[in-house]
Amino acid sequence: MARRTILALSVLLACALTVLSGTRAARTAVADPQGASDAPQQVNNGQPQGGAGEDKDKVKPKRPIQMSIATKGSNYEPKSLYKVGDKVLIEVTMTNTGAESLEVGIGNSYFQDRPRMKRDGKPVMYRKELPTVLKEKEKHPGQFGSAMYYELRPNVPTVVHRFLLEDWYDQLEPGQYELTLRHRFWGKEVPAESNTVTFEVIP
């Protein structure tokens, strides 16, 4: 009789342990259904988000270049007063403010340059057909090899480009004008910003 009692108790104890073990497993499965861990999740073929793979599109540091513009006459003489119909020539000068010589490539102005002009304080729009041209140049800027390359020695102002405002704007009406220029380089460097020049157009 005692042996039967002991055997029955052993069976009951084994069942209780089995039930308890199953309950713990169920709780673990509910708490972590995917078997996830506390380790950081990685994406992009093993590269964590924010890893070195993002550096490829970062803009390079600003080049040590000071850019200035000036209004000129037909013989490259300084000029700030024009009559309606006169050609307004813009001369672009770059100065290397660093300690070592560097090289710049000047190519298609419609890709690299973005003049901004105001007449009597109000923005002047580009020629009507120009936005289409600029959009096309964004997609197909041209071959880099077609650019003119200039060596900029330290602290030596160098004229690198000239263009006519009529390439960008319709005939200028009488008024007071302000002009600035933004120039981007062929690489991913920070674009250069010019000074502001003023000139007047009279009837």
N, C-alpha and C. Protein backbone atom coordinates (compact mmCIF):
# COMPACT_ATOMS: atom_id res chain seq x y z
N MET A 1 0.83 -1.20 0.00
CA MET A 1 0.00 0.00 0.00
C MET A 1 0.86 1.26 0.00
N ALA A 2 1.91 1.22 0.83
CA ALA A 2 2.80 2.39 0.92
C ALA A 2 3.50 2.62 -0.40
N ARG A 3 3.89 1.48 -1.08
CA ARG A 3 4.58 1.64 -2.36
C ARG A 3 3.68 2.27 -3.40
N ARG A 4 2.42 1.85 -3.43
CA ARG A 4 1.47 2.45 -4.37
C ARG A 4 1.28 3.95 -4.11
N THR A 5 1.24 4.29 -2.82
CA THR A 5 1.08 5.72 -2.46
C THR A 5 2.27 6.54 -2.94
N ILE A 6 3.48 5.98 -2.70
CA ILE A 6 4.71 6.69 -3.12
C ILE A 6 4.74 6.83 -4.63
N LEU A 7 4.33 5.76 -5.36
CA LEU A 7 4.33 5.79 -6.82
C LEU A 7 3.34 6.83 -7.34
N ALA A 8 2.17 6.90 -6.72
CA ALA A 8 1.17 7.88 -7.13
C ALA A 8 1.66 9.30 -6.92
N LEU A 9 2.32 9.51 -5.76
CA LEU A 9 2.84 10.84 -5.49
C LEU A 9 3.92 11.24 -6.49
N SER A 10 4.75 10.26 -6.88
CA SER A 10 5.81 10.53 -7.86
C SER A 10 5.23 10.94 -9.21
N VAL A 11 4.16 10.25 -9.62
CA VAL A 11 3.51 10.59 -10.89
C VAL A 11 2.92 11.99 -10.84
N LEU A 12 2.25 12.28 -9.72
CA LEU A 12 1.66 13.63 -9.57
C LEU A 12 2.74 14.71 -9.60
N LEU A 13 3.89 14.46 -8.94
CA LEU A 13 4.97 15.44 -8.91
C LEU A 13 5.55 15.65 -10.31
N ALA A 14 5.70 14.56 -11.08
CA ALA A 14 6.22 14.68 -12.44
C ALA A 14 5.28 15.48 -13.32
N CYS A 15 3.98 15.26 -13.17
CA CYS A 15 3.00 16.03 -13.96
C CYS A 15 3.05 17.50 -13.61
N ALA A 16 3.19 17.78 -12.31
CA ALA A 16 3.24 19.18 -11.87
C ALA A 16 4.46 19.89 -12.46
N LEU A 17 5.61 19.18 -12.45
CA LEU A 17 6.82 19.77 -13.02
C LEU A 17 6.69 20.02 -14.51
N THR A 18 6.01 19.09 -15.20
CA THR A 18 5.80 19.25 -16.65
C THR A 18 4.93 20.45 -16.95
N VAL A 19 3.86 20.60 -16.19
CA VAL A 19 2.95 21.75 -16.38
C VAL A 19 3.67 23.06 -16.09
N LEU A 20 4.46 23.09 -15.02
CA LEU A 20 5.19 24.31 -14.66
C LEU A 20 6.20 24.69 -15.74
N SER A 21 6.91 23.68 -16.27
CA SER A 21 7.88 23.94 -17.33
C SER A 21 7.20 24.49 -18.58
N GLY A 22 6.08 23.95 -18.95
CA GLY A 22 5.33 24.43 -20.11
C GLY A 22 4.84 25.85 -19.95
N THR A 23 4.42 26.18 -18.72
CA THR A 23 3.95 27.55 -18.46
C THR A 23 5.07 28.56 -18.64
N ARG A 24 6.27 28.24 -18.15
CA ARG A 24 7.43 29.14 -18.30
C ARG A 24 7.78 29.32 -19.77
N ALA A 25 7.76 28.26 -20.54
CA ALA A 25 8.07 28.34 -21.97
C ALA A 25 7.08 29.19 -22.70
N ALA A 26 5.80 29.06 -22.34
CA ALA A 26 4.77 29.87 -22.99
C ALA A 26 4.96 31.34 -22.71
N ARG A 27 5.33 31.63 -21.43
CA ARG A 27 5.56 33.04 -21.08
C ARG A 27 6.73 33.61 -21.88
N THR A 28 7.80 32.83 -22.05
CA THR A 28 8.96 33.27 -22.82
C THR A 28 8.59 33.51 -24.27
N ALA A 29 7.76 32.66 -24.84
CA ALA A 29 7.34 32.81 -26.24
C ALA A 29 6.51 34.05 -26.43
N VAL A 30 5.66 34.41 -25.49
CA VAL A 30 4.84 35.61 -25.60
C VAL A 30 5.69 36.86 -25.48
N ALA A 31 6.66 36.84 -24.57
CA ALA A 31 7.50 38.01 -24.35
C ALA A 31 8.42 38.27 -25.53
N ASP A 32 8.84 37.27 -26.27
CA ASP A 32 9.81 37.42 -27.35
C ASP A 32 9.41 36.51 -28.51
N PRO A 33 8.31 36.81 -29.20
CA PRO A 33 7.78 35.89 -30.21
C PRO A 33 8.73 35.65 -31.37
N GLN A 34 9.62 36.62 -31.69
CA GLN A 34 10.53 36.46 -32.82
C GLN A 34 11.91 35.99 -32.41
N GLY A 35 12.07 35.75 -31.15
CA GLY A 35 13.40 35.35 -30.70
C GLY A 35 14.38 36.49 -30.79
N ALA A 36 13.91 37.74 -30.69
CA ALA A 36 14.77 38.91 -30.83
C ALA A 36 15.66 39.06 -29.62
N SER A 37 16.78 39.73 -29.83
CA SER A 37 17.72 39.98 -28.74
C SER A 37 17.85 41.47 -28.54
N ASP A 38 18.63 41.86 -27.56
CA ASP A 38 18.86 43.27 -27.26
C ASP A 38 19.96 43.86 -28.13
N ALA A 39 20.58 43.07 -29.01
CA ALA A 39 21.66 43.58 -29.86
C ALA A 39 21.12 44.57 -30.87
N PRO A 40 21.89 45.61 -31.24
CA PRO A 40 21.44 46.58 -32.24
C PRO A 40 21.13 45.91 -33.56
N GLN A 41 20.04 46.32 -34.20
CA GLN A 41 19.68 45.78 -35.50
C GLN A 41 20.56 46.38 -36.59
N GLN A 42 20.99 45.57 -37.55
CA GLN A 42 21.84 46.03 -38.62
C GLN A 42 21.14 45.83 -39.95
N VAL A 43 21.35 46.76 -40.84
CA VAL A 43 20.72 46.73 -42.15
C VAL A 43 21.76 46.98 -43.22
N ASN A 44 21.32 46.98 -44.49
CA ASN A 44 22.22 47.28 -45.60
C ASN A 44 23.41 46.33 -45.63
N ASN A 45 23.10 45.02 -45.70
CA ASN A 45 24.16 44.01 -45.81
C ASN A 45 25.16 44.07 -44.67
N GLY A 46 24.64 44.20 -43.47
CA GLY A 46 25.52 44.16 -42.30
C GLY A 46 26.04 45.49 -41.86
N GLN A 47 25.75 46.58 -42.59
CA GLN A 47 26.20 47.90 -42.18
C GLN A 47 25.13 48.55 -41.30
N PRO A 48 25.46 48.94 -40.07
CA PRO A 48 24.48 49.61 -39.23
C PRO A 48 24.04 50.93 -39.86
N GLN A 49 22.83 51.36 -39.55
CA GLN A 49 22.37 52.66 -40.05
C GLN A 49 23.28 53.75 -39.53
N GLY A 50 23.62 54.70 -40.42
CA GLY A 50 24.52 55.78 -40.03
C GLY A 50 25.98 55.38 -40.11
N GLY A 51 26.27 54.25 -40.76
CA GLY A 51 27.64 53.77 -40.85
C GLY A 51 28.42 54.46 -41.95
N ALA A 52 29.57 53.88 -42.29
CA ALA A 52 30.48 54.51 -43.25
C ALA A 52 29.90 54.56 -44.64
N GLY A 53 28.88 53.75 -44.92
CA GLY A 53 28.31 53.72 -46.26
C GLY A 53 27.66 55.02 -46.67
N GLU A 54 27.35 55.90 -45.70
CA GLU A 54 26.68 57.16 -46.02
C GLU A 54 27.66 58.25 -46.41
N ASP A 55 28.96 58.04 -46.23
CA ASP A 55 29.94 59.10 -46.46
C ASP A 55 30.09 59.44 -47.93
N LYS A 56 29.71 58.52 -48.82
CA LYS A 56 30.00 58.72 -50.24
C LYS A 56 29.29 59.92 -50.84
N ASP A 57 28.13 60.32 -50.25
CA ASP A 57 27.37 61.43 -50.82
C ASP A 57 27.57 62.73 -50.05
N LYS A 58 28.45 62.74 -49.08
CA LYS A 58 28.65 63.95 -48.30
C LYS A 58 29.39 64.99 -49.12
N VAL A 59 29.05 66.25 -48.89
CA VAL A 59 29.71 67.35 -49.58
C VAL A 59 31.12 67.53 -49.02
N LYS A 60 32.07 67.76 -49.91
CA LYS A 60 33.44 67.96 -49.48
C LYS A 60 33.59 69.33 -48.83
N PRO A 61 34.68 69.54 -48.08
CA PRO A 61 34.87 70.84 -47.42
C PRO A 61 34.96 71.99 -48.42
N LYS A 62 34.69 73.17 -47.94
CA LYS A 62 34.76 74.37 -48.77
C LYS A 62 36.18 74.62 -49.22
N ARG A 63 36.34 74.95 -50.51
CA ARG A 63 37.67 75.24 -51.03
C ARG A 63 38.10 76.64 -50.59
N PRO A 64 39.40 76.85 -50.37
CA PRO A 64 39.88 78.17 -49.94
C PRO A 64 39.94 79.14 -51.12
N ILE A 65 38.79 79.49 -51.64
CA ILE A 65 38.71 80.37 -52.82
C ILE A 65 37.76 81.52 -52.54
N GLN A 66 38.23 82.72 -52.78
CA GLN A 66 37.38 83.91 -52.71
C GLN A 66 37.03 84.33 -54.13
N MET A 67 35.74 84.44 -54.41
CA MET A 67 35.30 84.80 -55.75
C MET A 67 34.71 86.21 -55.75
N SER A 68 35.08 86.99 -56.75
CA SER A 68 34.53 88.34 -56.88
C SER A 68 34.09 88.57 -58.32
N ILE A 69 33.10 89.42 -58.49
CA ILE A 69 32.62 89.77 -59.82
C ILE A 69 32.68 91.28 -60.00
N ALA A 70 32.77 91.72 -61.25
CA ALA A 70 32.82 93.14 -61.56
C ALA A 70 32.14 93.37 -62.90
N THR A 71 31.50 94.52 -63.05
CA THR A 71 30.87 94.89 -64.32
C THR A 71 31.90 95.59 -65.19
N LYS A 72 31.92 95.22 -66.48
CA LYS A 72 32.93 95.75 -67.39
C LYS A 72 32.28 96.28 -68.66
N GLY A 73 33.08 97.09 -69.39
CA GLY A 73 32.68 97.56 -70.70
C GLY A 73 33.20 96.63 -71.78
N SER A 74 32.98 97.02 -73.03
CA SER A 74 33.37 96.16 -74.16
C SER A 74 34.87 95.94 -74.25
N ASN A 75 35.66 96.85 -73.68
CA ASN A 75 37.12 96.72 -73.69
C ASN A 75 37.65 96.26 -72.32
N TYR A 76 36.79 95.66 -71.54
CA TYR A 76 37.12 95.13 -70.21
C TYR A 76 37.43 96.23 -69.19
N GLU A 77 37.06 97.45 -69.52
CA GLU A 77 37.27 98.54 -68.57
C GLU A 77 36.16 98.53 -67.52
N PRO A 78 36.46 98.97 -66.29
CA PRO A 78 35.42 99.04 -65.27
C PRO A 78 34.28 99.95 -65.73
N LYS A 79 33.05 99.53 -65.48
CA LYS A 79 31.91 100.30 -65.92
C LYS A 79 30.71 100.01 -65.01
N SER A 80 29.96 101.03 -64.66
CA SER A 80 28.79 100.84 -63.80
C SER A 80 27.56 101.59 -64.32
N LEU A 81 27.71 102.30 -65.46
CA LEU A 81 26.58 103.02 -66.05
C LEU A 81 26.41 102.58 -67.50
N TYR A 82 25.21 102.10 -67.82
CA TYR A 82 24.92 101.58 -69.15
C TYR A 82 23.65 102.23 -69.69
N LYS A 83 23.55 102.22 -71.01
CA LYS A 83 22.31 102.64 -71.65
C LYS A 83 21.52 101.40 -72.06
N VAL A 84 20.22 101.55 -72.21
CA VAL A 84 19.38 100.43 -72.65
C VAL A 84 19.94 99.88 -73.97
N GLY A 85 20.14 98.60 -74.04
CA GLY A 85 20.69 97.97 -75.23
C GLY A 85 22.18 97.71 -75.17
N ASP A 86 22.88 98.34 -74.20
CA ASP A 86 24.31 98.07 -74.04
C ASP A 86 24.54 96.65 -73.54
N LYS A 87 25.68 96.10 -73.91
CA LYS A 87 26.06 94.79 -73.39
C LYS A 87 26.73 94.95 -72.03
N VAL A 88 26.22 94.22 -71.04
CA VAL A 88 26.80 94.27 -69.70
C VAL A 88 27.66 93.02 -69.52
N LEU A 89 28.97 93.24 -69.44
CA LEU A 89 29.92 92.14 -69.31
C LEU A 89 30.27 91.93 -67.84
N ILE A 90 30.22 90.67 -67.40
CA ILE A 90 30.57 90.32 -66.02
C ILE A 90 31.89 89.56 -66.02
N GLU A 91 32.83 90.06 -65.23
CA GLU A 91 34.13 89.43 -65.11
C GLU A 91 34.23 88.72 -63.75
N VAL A 92 34.64 87.45 -63.79
CA VAL A 92 34.72 86.62 -62.59
C VAL A 92 36.18 86.40 -62.23
N THR A 93 36.54 86.75 -61.01
CA THR A 93 37.91 86.59 -60.53
C THR A 93 37.91 85.68 -59.31
N MET A 94 38.89 84.78 -59.26
CA MET A 94 39.04 83.89 -58.10
C MET A 94 40.41 84.09 -57.49
N THR A 95 40.44 84.10 -56.16
CA THR A 95 41.69 84.24 -55.42
C THR A 95 41.83 83.08 -54.46
N ASN A 96 42.96 82.40 -54.55
CA ASN A 96 43.26 81.29 -53.66
C ASN A 96 43.73 81.85 -52.32
N THR A 97 42.96 81.63 -51.27
CA THR A 97 43.32 82.14 -49.95
C THR A 97 44.08 81.13 -49.11
N GLY A 98 44.39 79.97 -49.71
CA GLY A 98 45.14 78.95 -49.00
C GLY A 98 46.64 79.14 -49.15
N ALA A 99 47.38 78.15 -48.63
CA ALA A 99 48.85 78.23 -48.64
C ALA A 99 49.46 77.51 -49.83
N GLU A 100 48.70 76.67 -50.52
CA GLU A 100 49.22 75.92 -51.64
C GLU A 100 48.41 76.18 -52.90
N SER A 101 49.06 76.05 -54.06
CA SER A 101 48.37 76.24 -55.34
C SER A 101 47.29 75.18 -55.52
N LEU A 102 46.24 75.56 -56.22
CA LEU A 102 45.19 74.60 -56.54
C LEU A 102 44.66 74.88 -57.94
N GLU A 103 43.87 73.96 -58.46
CA GLU A 103 43.38 74.05 -59.83
C GLU A 103 41.86 74.06 -59.85
N VAL A 104 41.30 74.90 -60.73
CA VAL A 104 39.85 74.93 -60.90
C VAL A 104 39.52 74.74 -62.37
N GLY A 105 38.42 74.07 -62.63
CA GLY A 105 37.97 73.87 -64.00
C GLY A 105 36.72 74.70 -64.27
N ILE A 106 36.76 75.50 -65.32
CA ILE A 106 35.63 76.35 -65.70
C ILE A 106 35.07 75.81 -67.02
N GLY A 107 33.84 75.32 -66.96
CA GLY A 107 33.23 74.73 -68.15
C GLY A 107 31.96 75.45 -68.55
N ASN A 108 30.86 74.71 -68.66
CA ASN A 108 29.60 75.27 -69.11
C ASN A 108 28.98 76.17 -68.04
N SER A 109 28.80 77.44 -68.39
CA SER A 109 28.28 78.41 -67.43
C SER A 109 26.86 78.07 -66.97
N TYR A 110 26.07 77.47 -67.86
CA TYR A 110 24.69 77.12 -67.49
C TYR A 110 24.63 75.98 -66.49
N PHE A 111 25.73 75.25 -66.34
CA PHE A 111 25.78 74.21 -65.32
C PHE A 111 26.39 74.73 -64.02
N GLN A 112 27.46 75.53 -64.13
CA GLN A 112 28.21 75.93 -62.95
C GLN A 112 27.74 77.22 -62.31
N ASP A 113 27.17 78.13 -63.09
CA ASP A 113 26.85 79.46 -62.57
C ASP A 113 25.36 79.65 -62.32
N ARG A 114 25.05 80.48 -61.31
CA ARG A 114 23.68 80.90 -61.05
C ARG A 114 23.69 82.36 -60.60
N PRO A 115 23.59 83.29 -61.58
CA PRO A 115 23.50 84.70 -61.19
C PRO A 115 22.15 85.01 -60.57
N ARG A 116 22.14 85.96 -59.66
CA ARG A 116 20.89 86.43 -59.04
C ARG A 116 20.89 87.95 -59.14
N MET A 117 19.87 88.52 -59.73
CA MET A 117 19.85 89.95 -59.99
C MET A 117 18.53 90.57 -59.53
N LYS A 118 18.65 91.80 -59.06
CA LYS A 118 17.48 92.58 -58.66
C LYS A 118 17.49 93.92 -59.39
N ARG A 119 16.31 94.38 -59.74
CA ARG A 119 16.14 95.70 -60.33
C ARG A 119 15.24 96.52 -59.42
N ASP A 120 15.79 97.62 -58.90
CA ASP A 120 15.06 98.46 -57.95
C ASP A 120 14.50 97.62 -56.80
N GLY A 121 15.31 96.65 -56.34
CA GLY A 121 14.94 95.84 -55.19
C GLY A 121 14.09 94.62 -55.48
N LYS A 122 13.68 94.43 -56.74
CA LYS A 122 12.81 93.30 -57.09
C LYS A 122 13.58 92.30 -57.95
N PRO A 123 13.41 90.99 -57.70
CA PRO A 123 14.13 89.97 -58.47
C PRO A 123 13.82 90.05 -59.96
N VAL A 124 14.85 89.85 -60.77
CA VAL A 124 14.70 89.81 -62.23
C VAL A 124 14.75 88.35 -62.67
N MET A 125 13.75 87.93 -63.45
CA MET A 125 13.68 86.55 -63.89
C MET A 125 14.62 86.30 -65.07
N TYR A 126 15.06 85.03 -65.19
CA TYR A 126 15.85 84.63 -66.35
C TYR A 126 14.99 84.72 -67.62
N ARG A 127 15.65 84.66 -68.77
CA ARG A 127 14.93 84.60 -70.02
C ARG A 127 13.94 83.44 -70.01
N LYS A 128 12.86 83.59 -70.73
CA LYS A 128 11.75 82.64 -70.68
C LYS A 128 12.18 81.21 -70.99
N GLU A 129 13.05 81.05 -71.98
CA GLU A 129 13.44 79.70 -72.41
C GLU A 129 14.56 79.09 -71.56
N LEU A 130 15.16 79.89 -70.68
CA LEU A 130 16.36 79.44 -69.97
C LEU A 130 16.09 78.31 -68.96
N PRO A 131 15.00 78.31 -68.20
CA PRO A 131 14.77 77.21 -67.25
C PRO A 131 14.85 75.83 -67.89
N THR A 132 14.37 75.70 -69.12
CA THR A 132 14.46 74.41 -69.82
C THR A 132 15.91 74.04 -70.10
N VAL A 133 16.70 75.04 -70.50
CA VAL A 133 18.12 74.81 -70.77
C VAL A 133 18.85 74.39 -69.49
N LEU A 134 18.56 75.08 -68.40
CA LEU A 134 19.23 74.78 -67.13
C LEU A 134 18.86 73.38 -66.64
N LYS A 135 17.62 73.01 -66.80
CA LYS A 135 17.18 71.68 -66.38
C LYS A 135 17.91 70.60 -67.17
N GLU A 136 18.11 70.83 -68.46
CA GLU A 136 18.82 69.87 -69.29
C GLU A 136 20.29 69.77 -68.89
N LYS A 137 20.89 70.92 -68.54
CA LYS A 137 22.29 70.91 -68.14
C LYS A 137 22.49 70.21 -66.80
N GLU A 138 21.47 70.22 -65.95
CA GLU A 138 21.55 69.49 -64.69
C GLU A 138 21.70 68.00 -64.95
N LYS A 139 21.04 67.52 -66.00
CA LYS A 139 21.11 66.10 -66.35
C LYS A 139 22.36 65.78 -67.16
N HIS A 140 22.72 66.68 -68.07
CA HIS A 140 23.85 66.44 -68.98
C HIS A 140 24.76 67.67 -69.00
N PRO A 141 25.62 67.82 -68.00
CA PRO A 141 26.46 69.03 -67.92
C PRO A 141 27.54 69.11 -68.99
N GLY A 142 27.84 68.01 -69.66
CA GLY A 142 28.91 68.03 -70.65
C GLY A 142 30.15 67.31 -70.14
N GLN A 143 31.11 67.14 -71.01
CA GLN A 143 32.34 66.46 -70.64
C GLN A 143 33.24 67.36 -69.80
N PHE A 144 33.77 66.79 -68.70
CA PHE A 144 34.67 67.56 -67.85
C PHE A 144 35.92 67.98 -68.61
N GLY A 145 36.33 67.18 -69.58
CA GLY A 145 37.55 67.48 -70.32
C GLY A 145 37.45 68.72 -71.17
N SER A 146 36.23 69.21 -71.43
CA SER A 146 36.05 70.40 -72.24
C SER A 146 36.23 71.69 -71.44
N ALA A 147 36.44 71.57 -70.14
CA ALA A 147 36.60 72.75 -69.29
C ALA A 147 37.99 73.35 -69.45
N MET A 148 38.09 74.64 -69.15
CA MET A 148 39.38 75.32 -69.09
C MET A 148 39.88 75.25 -67.65
N TYR A 149 41.13 74.85 -67.48
CA TYR A 149 41.67 74.69 -66.13
C TYR A 149 42.67 75.81 -65.83
N TYR A 150 42.51 76.35 -64.62
CA TYR A 150 43.35 77.47 -64.20
C TYR A 150 44.07 77.08 -62.91
N GLU A 151 45.34 77.42 -62.86
CA GLU A 151 46.10 77.25 -61.62
C GLU A 151 45.96 78.51 -60.79
N LEU A 152 45.48 78.35 -59.58
CA LEU A 152 45.33 79.49 -58.68
C LEU A 152 46.46 79.45 -57.66
N ARG A 153 47.39 80.40 -57.79
CA ARG A 153 48.47 80.49 -56.83
C ARG A 153 48.00 81.25 -55.60
N PRO A 154 48.61 81.00 -54.46
CA PRO A 154 48.16 81.65 -53.24
C PRO A 154 48.16 83.18 -53.34
N ASN A 155 47.01 83.76 -53.03
CA ASN A 155 46.85 85.21 -52.94
C ASN A 155 47.11 85.96 -54.24
N VAL A 156 46.90 85.28 -55.37
CA VAL A 156 47.06 85.93 -56.67
C VAL A 156 45.70 85.93 -57.37
N PRO A 157 45.03 87.10 -57.48
CA PRO A 157 43.73 87.15 -58.17
C PRO A 157 43.87 86.73 -59.63
N THR A 158 42.97 85.85 -60.08
CA THR A 158 43.03 85.33 -61.43
C THR A 158 41.66 85.41 -62.09
N VAL A 159 41.59 86.06 -63.26
CA VAL A 159 40.33 86.12 -64.01
C VAL A 159 40.12 84.75 -64.66
N VAL A 160 38.99 84.12 -64.33
CA VAL A 160 38.74 82.77 -64.83
C VAL A 160 37.55 82.69 -65.79
N HIS A 161 36.76 83.77 -65.85
CA HIS A 161 35.54 83.65 -66.66
C HIS A 161 34.95 85.03 -66.92
N ARG A 162 34.32 85.18 -68.07
CA ARG A 162 33.53 86.37 -68.40
C ARG A 162 32.26 85.92 -69.11
N PHE A 163 31.16 86.59 -68.81
CA PHE A 163 29.91 86.28 -69.52
C PHE A 163 29.06 87.54 -69.63
N LEU A 164 28.15 87.52 -70.58
CA LEU A 164 27.23 88.65 -70.80
C LEU A 164 25.91 88.40 -70.10
N LEU A 165 25.35 89.43 -69.52
CA LEU A 165 24.06 89.28 -68.85
C LEU A 165 22.95 88.92 -69.84
N GLU A 166 23.13 89.27 -71.11
CA GLU A 166 22.11 88.92 -72.09
C GLU A 166 22.02 87.41 -72.32
N ASP A 167 23.05 86.67 -71.86
CA ASP A 167 22.98 85.22 -71.93
C ASP A 167 21.97 84.66 -70.93
N TRP A 168 21.62 85.47 -69.94
CA TRP A 168 20.73 85.02 -68.88
C TRP A 168 19.41 85.80 -68.81
N TYR A 169 19.46 87.07 -69.21
CA TYR A 169 18.29 87.94 -69.02
C TYR A 169 17.88 88.62 -70.32
N ASP A 170 16.61 88.99 -70.38
CA ASP A 170 16.13 89.80 -71.49
C ASP A 170 16.76 91.19 -71.40
N GLN A 171 16.52 92.02 -72.40
CA GLN A 171 17.09 93.37 -72.41
C GLN A 171 16.73 94.09 -71.12
N LEU A 172 17.75 94.70 -70.52
CA LEU A 172 17.54 95.35 -69.24
C LEU A 172 16.86 96.70 -69.40
N GLU A 173 15.86 96.92 -68.56
CA GLU A 173 15.14 98.18 -68.56
C GLU A 173 15.85 99.18 -67.65
N PRO A 174 15.55 100.46 -67.78
CA PRO A 174 16.18 101.45 -66.90
C PRO A 174 15.93 101.14 -65.44
N GLY A 175 16.94 101.35 -64.62
CA GLY A 175 16.80 101.11 -63.19
C GLY A 175 18.15 100.86 -62.53
N GLN A 176 18.08 100.68 -61.21
CA GLN A 176 19.26 100.36 -60.41
C GLN A 176 19.32 98.84 -60.20
N TYR A 177 20.47 98.26 -60.49
CA TYR A 177 20.59 96.81 -60.45
C TYR A 177 21.60 96.36 -59.41
N GLU A 178 21.32 95.19 -58.83
CA GLU A 178 22.23 94.50 -57.92
C GLU A 178 22.43 93.08 -58.45
N LEU A 179 23.68 92.61 -58.45
CA LEU A 179 23.97 91.29 -59.00
C LEU A 179 24.93 90.53 -58.09
N THR A 180 24.62 89.25 -57.85
CA THR A 180 25.53 88.34 -57.17
C THR A 180 25.64 87.07 -58.01
N LEU A 181 26.66 86.27 -57.73
CA LEU A 181 26.88 85.05 -58.50
C LEU A 181 27.21 83.89 -57.56
N ARG A 182 26.60 82.77 -57.85
CA ARG A 182 26.91 81.52 -57.14
C ARG A 182 27.54 80.57 -58.15
N HIS A 183 28.71 80.06 -57.83
CA HIS A 183 29.44 79.19 -58.75
C HIS A 183 29.72 77.86 -58.08
N ARG A 184 29.38 76.77 -58.75
CA ARG A 184 29.70 75.45 -58.20
C ARG A 184 30.82 74.81 -59.01
N PHE A 185 31.62 74.04 -58.28
CA PHE A 185 32.76 73.37 -58.89
C PHE A 185 32.32 72.02 -59.44
N TRP A 186 33.22 71.36 -60.19
CA TRP A 186 32.86 70.09 -60.81
C TRP A 186 32.67 69.00 -59.78
N GLY A 187 33.34 69.08 -58.66
CA GLY A 187 33.18 68.08 -57.62
C GLY A 187 32.02 68.41 -56.70
N LYS A 188 32.05 67.88 -55.46
CA LYS A 188 30.98 68.12 -54.50
C LYS A 188 31.36 69.18 -53.48
N GLU A 189 32.34 70.04 -53.82
CA GLU A 189 32.72 71.09 -52.89
C GLU A 189 31.59 72.09 -52.69
N VAL A 190 31.67 72.79 -51.58
CA VAL A 190 30.70 73.85 -51.31
C VAL A 190 30.83 74.93 -52.38
N PRO A 191 29.73 75.38 -53.00
CA PRO A 191 29.82 76.41 -54.05
C PRO A 191 30.39 77.72 -53.51
N ALA A 192 30.96 78.49 -54.42
CA ALA A 192 31.51 79.79 -54.07
C ALA A 192 30.44 80.87 -54.25
N GLU A 193 30.42 81.83 -53.36
CA GLU A 193 29.48 82.95 -53.43
C GLU A 193 30.27 84.24 -53.65
N SER A 194 29.80 85.08 -54.55
CA SER A 194 30.52 86.30 -54.89
C SER A 194 30.07 87.47 -54.02
N ASN A 195 30.73 88.57 -54.23
CA ASN A 195 30.29 89.85 -53.69
C ASN A 195 29.06 90.33 -54.45
N THR A 196 28.51 91.45 -54.04
CA THR A 196 27.38 92.07 -54.74
C THR A 196 27.87 93.30 -55.49
N VAL A 197 27.57 93.36 -56.78
CA VAL A 197 27.93 94.55 -57.56
C VAL A 197 26.65 95.31 -57.92
N THR A 198 26.78 96.61 -58.05
CA THR A 198 25.65 97.45 -58.42
C THR A 198 25.98 98.21 -59.70
N PHE A 199 24.98 98.44 -60.52
CA PHE A 199 25.15 99.24 -61.73
C PHE A 199 23.80 99.85 -62.11
N GLU A 200 23.84 100.79 -63.01
CA GLU A 200 22.63 101.50 -63.41
C GLU A 200 22.44 101.43 -64.91
N VAL A 201 21.20 101.29 -65.34
CA VAL A 201 20.84 101.34 -66.74
C VAL A 201 19.94 102.57 -66.95
N ILE A 202 20.31 103.40 -67.92
CA ILE A 202 19.53 104.60 -68.20
C ILE A 202 18.97 104.52 -69.64
N PRO A 203 17.90 105.31 -69.93
CA PRO A 203 17.30 105.29 -71.28
C PRO A 203 18.30 105.70 -72.36
